[in-house]
């Protein structure tokens, strides 16, 4: 007498996979029930603990069509019975109907110091945990809960944060603890009945503007009077011609040499190409061979440079700029400066007094003048 139970069947579905969110409530999906037991007689299945249905087993794989009535995670329980009446262990196939995932930020979005986090999904979800990683090869890590607060009242959160009606509360993530800008991947893990699936990850760009509590005196950054100071105009023209790859050049205040920054290594040859100059004044009042701004003769009379302008010596010269990789290109810095000057009170509280926005090439930043007693505005500008 045969008393050996058949092996438990396997279950799969191209329409409702077990590791992703798919379809909508009411959609019909095909499920394949497979067994290698040649003596199989029937298969019995039940969806979400409902009434069981028994069908004849046909060949190795038997297909059924089901239409889940609601979004959320569902369980399909299947057993196999052989011709001797022996029944297998139960196979439970979990699948996930509808959509669930991040609603903020969105894929491709650029984020800064403060990031809005939110997620949504079917109403049977009870909690969510937000995670991040740098690259595909990295392990996922929870976003530190200590850096996250509720947007509505600033209170702290713990993971998983409770969901109501399929929605998380809107959260604010302060990214200051992560020191490196660049690409990030974000995702949400959910809690709820039937082990809900993970949300598909989204890629974002972390790109923060540094906020300092001290000013930069742009007027103090006087250019050295040298061949390099004349070559700087050509270097500026290059940055204007390739604004996406080059950043504003500047004269190093210590060495007097041109620095032509780039945002990508491929642009270094263009930035450091030789600049050829003709008929450049040897000096304009420095300590070389030409007259100082005002020279006093032996008889007590004075002669200025303007009196002998036609006599200033000239030369031909070549200048090779140095370079370095920076975060922000010419077009990025210019667009930030332009955007700031167009801000009004509707865009940002306290923006009306902002009347100057200058690009500081040496620090690769946009410098704004903000009242020292308005720290909130300074931080808000940095977050933008």
Protein backbone atom coordinates (compact mmCIF):
# COMPACT_ATOMS: atom_id res chain seq x y z
CA UNK A 1 0.00 0.00 0.00
CA UNK A 2 1.37 3.43 -1.03
CA UNK A 3 1.54 5.80 1.93
CA UNK A 4 4.24 8.17 0.65
CA UNK A 5 3.09 11.74 0.19
CA UNK A 6 4.01 13.46 -3.05
CA UNK A 7 6.41 16.38 -3.07
CA UNK A 8 4.89 19.80 -2.45
CA UNK A 9 4.14 21.59 -5.73
CA UNK A 10 5.95 24.73 -6.80
CA UNK A 11 4.04 27.90 -7.74
CA UNK A 12 4.99 30.73 -10.07
CA UNK A 13 3.23 33.54 -11.91
CA UNK A 14 4.40 35.80 -14.72
CA UNK A 15 1.63 38.27 -13.86
CA UNK A 16 2.06 38.35 -10.08
CA UNK A 17 5.69 37.53 -9.16
CA UNK A 18 6.55 36.82 -5.55
CA UNK A 19 9.25 39.50 -5.20
CA UNK A 20 7.67 42.65 -6.65
CA UNK A 21 4.53 44.75 -6.77
CA UNK A 22 2.46 44.16 -9.89
CA UNK A 23 -0.97 44.60 -11.45
CA UNK A 24 -4.07 46.05 -9.84
CA UNK A 25 -7.00 44.75 -7.86
CA UNK A 26 -9.34 42.76 -10.11
CA UNK A 27 -6.66 41.97 -12.69
CA UNK A 28 -6.57 38.35 -13.82
CA UNK A 29 -3.28 36.52 -13.48
CA UNK A 30 -2.04 33.08 -14.47
CA UNK A 31 -0.44 30.84 -11.87
CA UNK A 32 1.55 27.72 -12.77
CA UNK A 33 1.31 24.79 -10.32
CA UNK A 34 4.12 22.35 -11.01
CA UNK A 35 4.94 18.88 -9.66
CA UNK A 36 7.41 16.24 -10.81
CA UNK A 37 5.37 13.45 -9.23
CA UNK A 38 4.06 11.27 -12.08
CA UNK A 39 1.33 9.71 -9.92
CA UNK A 40 -0.41 12.98 -9.15
CA UNK A 41 -4.21 13.04 -9.23
CA UNK A 42 -5.45 16.44 -8.04
CA UNK A 43 -4.30 19.89 -6.91
CA UNK A 44 -6.12 21.91 -4.26
CA UNK A 45 -5.67 25.64 -3.81
CA UNK A 46 -7.11 28.46 -1.69
CA UNK A 47 -6.50 32.21 -1.88
CA UNK A 48 -6.07 34.13 1.37
CA UNK A 49 -7.63 31.39 3.46
CA UNK A 50 -10.82 31.29 1.42
CA UNK A 51 -12.73 28.31 0.09
CA UNK A 52 -10.56 25.53 -1.32
CA UNK A 53 -10.84 24.51 -4.98
CA UNK A 54 -9.75 21.07 -6.23
CA UNK A 55 -8.84 20.46 -9.87
CA UNK A 56 -7.42 17.56 -11.82
CA UNK A 57 -3.66 17.59 -12.23
CA UNK A 58 -2.65 17.71 -15.88
CA UNK A 59 0.83 16.63 -16.91
CA UNK A 60 3.73 18.24 -15.03
CA UNK A 61 2.30 21.80 -14.88
CA UNK A 62 -1.28 22.85 -14.32
CA UNK A 63 -2.30 26.48 -14.80
CA UNK A 64 -5.06 28.40 -13.06
CA UNK A 65 -6.32 31.96 -13.41
CA UNK A 66 -7.08 34.09 -10.36
CA UNK A 67 -8.27 37.69 -9.91
CA UNK A 68 -7.29 39.10 -6.49
CA UNK A 69 -10.04 41.42 -5.30
CA UNK A 70 -7.85 43.97 -3.50
CA UNK A 71 -4.44 45.60 -3.62
CA UNK A 72 -1.92 44.36 -1.09
CA UNK A 73 -0.06 41.17 -0.29
CA UNK A 74 -1.87 37.85 -0.85
CA UNK A 75 -1.19 34.19 -0.13
CA UNK A 76 -2.03 31.28 -2.40
CA UNK A 77 -1.91 27.90 -0.60
CA UNK A 78 -1.55 24.78 -2.80
CA UNK A 79 -1.38 21.05 -2.05
CA UNK A 80 -0.99 18.02 -4.33
CA UNK A 81 -2.73 14.64 -3.89
CA UNK A 82 -1.61 11.45 -5.61
CA UNK A 83 -3.73 8.59 -6.91
CA UNK A 84 -3.30 6.70 -3.63
CA UNK A 85 -4.88 9.57 -1.74
CA UNK A 86 -1.68 10.89 -0.16
CA UNK A 87 -1.51 14.69 0.21
CA UNK A 88 1.65 16.78 0.08
CA UNK A 89 2.83 19.52 2.40
CA UNK A 90 1.27 22.92 1.68
CA UNK A 91 3.11 25.35 -0.57
CA UNK A 92 2.36 29.00 0.24
CA UNK A 93 3.01 31.48 -2.56
CA UNK A 94 2.99 35.16 -1.54
CA UNK A 95 2.42 37.83 -4.17
CA UNK A 96 1.81 41.56 -4.09
CA UNK A 97 -0.91 43.43 -5.98
CA UNK A 98 -0.74 47.14 -6.71
CA UNK A 99 2.11 49.62 -6.31
CA UNK A 100 4.18 50.53 -3.28
CA UNK A 101 7.28 52.67 -3.04
CA UNK A 102 8.80 56.08 -2.60
CA UNK A 103 6.68 59.09 -3.46
CA UNK A 104 9.48 61.50 -2.46
CA UNK A 105 12.15 61.95 -3.56
CA UNK A 106 11.59 60.84 -7.14
CA UNK A 107 14.08 59.03 -9.38
CA UNK A 108 16.70 61.39 -10.82
CA UNK A 109 15.94 64.14 -8.33
CA UNK A 110 18.74 66.29 -6.89
CA UNK A 111 18.63 66.44 -3.10
CA UNK A 112 20.44 68.64 -0.59
CA UNK A 113 20.80 69.25 3.13
CA UNK A 114 17.13 68.55 3.90
CA UNK A 115 15.26 65.81 2.02
CA UNK A 116 11.55 65.09 2.06
CA UNK A 117 10.80 61.38 2.48
CA UNK A 118 7.42 59.76 1.89
CA UNK A 119 6.07 56.44 0.65
CA UNK A 120 2.72 54.95 -0.28
CA UNK A 121 1.20 51.56 -1.00
CA UNK A 122 -1.83 49.36 -0.35
CA UNK A 123 -3.80 49.97 2.82
CA UNK A 124 -2.70 46.70 4.42
CA UNK A 125 0.83 48.06 4.88
CA UNK A 126 1.53 48.93 8.51
CA UNK A 127 5.03 50.40 8.55
CA UNK A 128 7.97 51.60 6.46
CA UNK A 129 11.73 51.88 6.85
CA UNK A 130 13.74 54.09 4.50
CA UNK A 131 17.14 52.81 3.39
CA UNK A 132 20.07 53.98 1.26
CA UNK A 133 23.27 52.81 -0.38
CA UNK A 134 25.89 54.28 -2.71
CA UNK A 135 26.27 51.59 -5.36
CA UNK A 136 24.72 48.30 -6.46
CA UNK A 137 27.53 46.37 -4.78
CA UNK A 138 26.97 48.04 -1.39
CA UNK A 139 24.74 46.67 1.34
CA UNK A 140 21.57 48.56 2.17
CA UNK A 141 21.60 50.59 5.39
CA UNK A 142 18.74 52.21 7.24
CA UNK A 143 18.76 55.98 7.05
CA UNK A 144 19.71 56.99 10.62
CA UNK A 145 16.44 57.57 12.44
CA UNK A 146 18.21 60.23 14.52
CA UNK A 147 18.50 62.34 11.36
CA UNK A 148 14.80 62.07 10.49
CA UNK A 149 11.85 64.01 11.90
CA UNK A 150 8.17 64.40 11.10
CA UNK A 151 7.61 67.38 8.82
CA UNK A 152 4.37 68.26 10.60
CA UNK A 153 5.78 68.84 14.06
CA UNK A 154 9.52 68.08 14.09
CA UNK A 155 9.21 65.07 16.37
CA UNK A 156 11.58 62.11 16.19
CA UNK A 157 10.78 58.83 14.44
CA UNK A 158 11.75 55.22 14.88
CA UNK A 159 11.84 52.51 12.22
CA UNK A 160 9.52 51.26 10.98
CA UNK A 161 7.45 54.44 10.95
CA UNK A 162 3.73 53.69 11.15
CA UNK A 163 1.63 53.92 7.98
CA UNK A 164 -2.03 54.94 7.92
CA UNK A 165 -4.27 54.20 4.97
CA UNK A 166 -1.27 53.07 2.94
CA UNK A 167 0.66 56.32 3.52
CA UNK A 168 3.69 57.24 5.59
CA UNK A 169 3.79 60.61 7.32
CA UNK A 170 5.88 63.18 5.44
CA UNK A 171 9.38 63.09 6.91
CA UNK A 172 12.43 65.36 6.78
CA UNK A 173 15.88 63.78 6.50
CA UNK A 174 18.85 65.98 7.42
CA UNK A 175 21.80 64.67 5.40
CA UNK A 176 24.59 66.49 7.26
CA UNK A 177 25.92 63.27 8.78
CA UNK A 178 26.75 61.93 5.31
CA UNK A 179 29.91 63.77 4.32
CA UNK A 180 30.08 62.75 0.67
CA UNK A 181 27.98 64.20 -2.11
CA UNK A 182 27.21 62.06 -5.16
CA UNK A 183 24.77 59.43 -6.35
CA UNK A 184 22.59 57.60 -3.83
CA UNK A 185 20.05 54.82 -4.12
CA UNK A 186 16.99 54.95 -1.86
CA UNK A 187 14.29 52.36 -1.17
CA UNK A 188 11.59 51.45 1.36
CA UNK A 189 11.03 48.19 3.20
CA UNK A 190 7.48 47.57 4.40
CA UNK A 191 5.84 45.73 7.26
CA UNK A 192 2.33 44.30 7.09
CA UNK A 193 0.45 41.07 6.61
CA UNK A 194 1.86 38.44 4.28
CA UNK A 195 5.42 39.83 4.22
CA UNK A 196 5.03 42.69 1.73
CA UNK A 197 7.60 43.05 -1.05
CA UNK A 198 10.35 45.64 -1.13
CA UNK A 199 9.86 48.81 -3.11
CA UNK A 200 11.92 49.28 -6.24
CA UNK A 201 14.95 51.52 -5.49
CA UNK A 202 15.30 55.00 -6.97
CA UNK A 203 18.55 56.81 -7.80
CA UNK A 204 19.03 60.41 -6.67
CA UNK A 205 21.92 62.89 -6.59
CA UNK A 206 23.07 64.31 -3.25
CA UNK A 207 24.44 67.76 -4.05
CA UNK A 208 24.67 70.21 -1.17
CA UNK A 209 25.69 73.85 -1.03
CA UNK A 210 27.90 74.63 1.92
CA UNK A 211 26.67 77.33 4.28
CA UNK A 212 29.38 79.24 6.18
CA UNK A 213 28.96 81.66 9.04
CA UNK A 214 31.62 84.07 7.82
CA UNK A 215 31.79 86.23 4.75
CA UNK A 216 34.21 86.24 1.85
CA UNK A 217 35.55 89.65 0.82
CA UNK A 218 35.58 89.31 -2.95
CA UNK A 219 37.09 92.79 -3.33
CA UNK A 220 40.14 91.66 -1.39
CA UNK A 221 40.96 88.99 -3.99
CA UNK A 222 42.98 91.37 -6.16
CA UNK A 223 44.63 89.88 -9.18
CA UNK A 224 48.42 89.95 -9.37
CA UNK A 225 49.81 92.30 -11.98
CA UNK A 226 51.50 89.72 -14.19
CA UNK A 227 51.40 87.91 -17.49
CA UNK A 228 48.97 85.48 -15.87
CA UNK A 229 46.53 88.28 -15.14
CA UNK A 230 46.28 88.97 -18.87
CA UNK A 231 45.94 85.27 -19.69
CA UNK A 232 43.05 84.98 -17.24
CA UNK A 233 40.71 86.60 -19.75
CA UNK A 234 41.39 83.77 -22.22
CA UNK A 235 40.87 81.20 -19.48
CA UNK A 236 37.53 82.85 -18.68
CA UNK A 237 36.55 82.68 -22.35
CA UNK A 238 37.27 78.93 -22.33
CA UNK A 239 35.01 78.41 -19.31
CA UNK A 240 32.22 80.37 -20.98
CA UNK A 241 32.60 78.26 -24.14
CA UNK A 242 32.47 74.93 -22.22
CA UNK A 243 30.33 75.80 -19.19
CA UNK A 244 29.24 72.24 -18.40
CA UNK A 245 32.77 70.82 -18.07
CA UNK A 246 34.82 73.83 -16.93
CA UNK A 247 34.49 75.98 -13.83
CA UNK A 248 35.43 79.67 -13.46
CA UNK A 249 39.23 80.11 -13.44
CA UNK A 250 41.14 82.29 -11.00
CA UNK A 251 44.59 83.55 -10.10
CA UNK A 252 46.04 81.75 -7.11
CA UNK A 253 46.74 84.49 -4.55
CA UNK A 254 49.85 82.72 -3.26
CA UNK A 255 51.53 81.70 -6.50
CA UNK A 256 50.05 84.21 -8.96
CA UNK A 257 49.35 81.32 -11.35
CA UNK A 258 46.14 80.58 -13.23
CA UNK A 259 44.04 77.71 -11.93
CA UNK A 260 41.46 76.48 -14.46
CA UNK A 261 39.20 74.02 -12.60
CA UNK A 262 37.19 71.26 -14.28
CA UNK A 263 34.25 69.10 -13.20
CA UNK A 264 35.47 65.99 -15.03
CA UNK A 265 38.91 64.60 -15.79
CA UNK A 266 38.21 64.46 -19.52
CA UNK A 267 38.16 68.26 -19.63
CA UNK A 268 41.67 68.70 -18.19
CA UNK A 269 43.45 68.93 -21.59
CA UNK A 270 41.18 71.80 -22.64
CA UNK A 271 41.62 73.62 -19.34
CA UNK A 272 45.42 73.36 -19.37
CA UNK A 273 46.05 74.13 -23.03
CA UNK A 274 48.76 76.76 -23.53
CA UNK A 275 47.61 80.40 -23.71
CA UNK A 276 49.77 82.48 -26.07
CA UNK A 277 49.97 86.24 -25.51
CA UNK A 278 51.49 89.06 -27.57
CA UNK A 279 52.45 92.61 -26.61
CA UNK A 280 51.80 92.12 -22.92
CA UNK A 281 53.06 94.95 -20.66
CA UNK A 282 55.97 93.69 -18.63
CA UNK A 283 54.64 95.34 -15.47
CA UNK A 284 51.99 97.82 -14.39
CA UNK A 285 53.49 99.32 -11.29
CA UNK A 286 55.03 96.32 -9.59
CA UNK A 287 58.59 95.93 -8.41
CA UNK A 288 60.22 95.05 -11.72
CA UNK A 289 61.68 97.49 -14.28
CA UNK A 290 58.79 99.90 -14.96
CA UNK A 291 57.88 102.97 -12.96
CA UNK A 292 55.97 102.61 -9.74
CA UNK A 293 52.56 104.26 -9.47
CA UNK A 294 54.32 107.48 -8.40
CA UNK A 295 58.15 107.91 -8.63
CA UNK A 296 59.93 110.91 -7.15
CA UNK A 297 62.88 112.43 -9.04
CA UNK A 298 66.00 113.88 -7.42
CA UNK A 299 64.69 117.45 -7.87
CA UNK A 300 61.52 116.63 -5.95
CA UNK A 301 59.18 116.38 -8.96
CA UNK A 302 57.04 113.31 -9.49
CA UNK A 303 56.31 111.23 -12.56
CA UNK A 304 53.36 108.86 -12.80
CA UNK A 305 52.83 105.82 -15.00
CA UNK A 306 50.24 107.74 -16.99
CA UNK A 307 52.93 110.26 -17.97
CA UNK A 308 55.04 107.51 -19.57
CA UNK A 309 52.35 105.07 -20.71
CA UNK A 310 53.75 104.97 -24.22
CA UNK A 311 57.10 103.84 -22.91
CA UNK A 312 55.94 100.74 -21.08
CA UNK A 313 57.83 97.67 -22.28
CA UNK A 314 55.88 94.76 -23.74
CA UNK A 315 56.64 91.12 -24.32
CA UNK A 316 55.24 87.93 -25.84
CA UNK A 317 54.53 85.10 -23.45
CA UNK A 318 52.97 81.68 -23.03
CA UNK A 319 50.99 80.60 -19.98
CA UNK A 320 50.02 77.02 -19.07
CA UNK A 321 47.21 76.97 -16.48
CA UNK A 322 47.09 74.37 -13.75
CA UNK A 323 43.85 72.57 -12.97
CA UNK A 324 41.93 70.64 -10.34
CA UNK A 325 38.58 68.84 -10.19
CA UNK A 326 35.78 70.76 -8.43
CA UNK A 327 32.11 70.10 -7.71
CA UNK A 328 30.37 72.89 -9.63
CA UNK A 329 30.70 73.92 -13.26
CA UNK A 330 30.48 77.41 -14.74
CA UNK A 331 26.85 76.88 -15.78
CA UNK A 332 25.86 75.51 -12.35
CA UNK A 333 27.34 78.45 -10.46
CA UNK A 334 25.87 81.00 -12.86
CA UNK A 335 22.43 79.41 -12.67
CA UNK A 336 22.54 79.39 -8.85
CA UNK A 337 23.47 83.06 -8.76
CA UNK A 338 20.70 83.93 -11.23
CA UNK A 339 18.13 81.86 -9.33
CA UNK A 340 18.94 83.51 -6.00
CA UNK A 341 18.47 87.01 -7.40
CA UNK A 342 15.02 86.05 -8.71
CA UNK A 343 13.78 84.68 -5.37
CA UNK A 344 10.93 86.49 -3.66
CA UNK A 345 9.07 86.05 -0.39
CA UNK A 346 6.77 83.44 -1.94
CA UNK A 347 9.80 81.31 -2.80
CA UNK A 348 11.76 81.78 0.40
CA UNK A 349 10.98 83.82 3.47
CA UNK A 350 13.49 86.64 3.87
CA UNK A 351 14.68 86.53 0.26
CA UNK A 352 13.72 90.11 -0.60
CA UNK A 353 16.91 91.73 0.81
CA UNK A 354 19.13 89.50 -1.35
CA UNK A 355 20.57 91.88 -3.93
CA UNK A 356 24.03 90.45 -4.56
CA UNK A 357 25.09 86.99 -5.66
CA UNK A 358 28.62 86.59 -6.96
CA UNK A 359 30.58 83.58 -8.13
CA UNK A 360 33.79 83.12 -6.14
CA UNK A 361 35.96 81.10 -8.50
CA UNK A 362 38.61 80.21 -5.92
CA UNK A 363 36.15 78.55 -3.52
CA UNK A 364 33.89 77.29 -6.35
CA UNK A 365 30.87 78.76 -4.59
CA UNK A 366 28.22 81.42 -4.98
CA UNK A 367 28.72 84.06 -2.30
CA UNK A 368 25.66 85.86 -0.92
CA UNK A 369 25.44 88.58 1.65
CA UNK A 370 23.05 87.60 4.43
CA UNK A 371 22.42 89.47 7.66
CA UNK A 372 24.25 87.87 10.56
CA UNK A 373 21.02 87.69 12.55
CA UNK A 374 19.24 85.65 9.88
CA UNK A 375 20.75 82.19 10.31
CA UNK A 376 17.52 80.55 9.15
CA UNK A 377 17.76 82.26 5.76
CA UNK A 378 21.42 81.23 5.38
CA UNK A 379 20.53 77.60 6.11
CA UNK A 380 17.51 77.69 3.77
CA UNK A 381 19.69 79.05 0.97
CA UNK A 382 22.19 76.26 1.53
CA UNK A 383 19.44 73.66 1.39
CA UNK A 384 18.18 75.02 -1.94
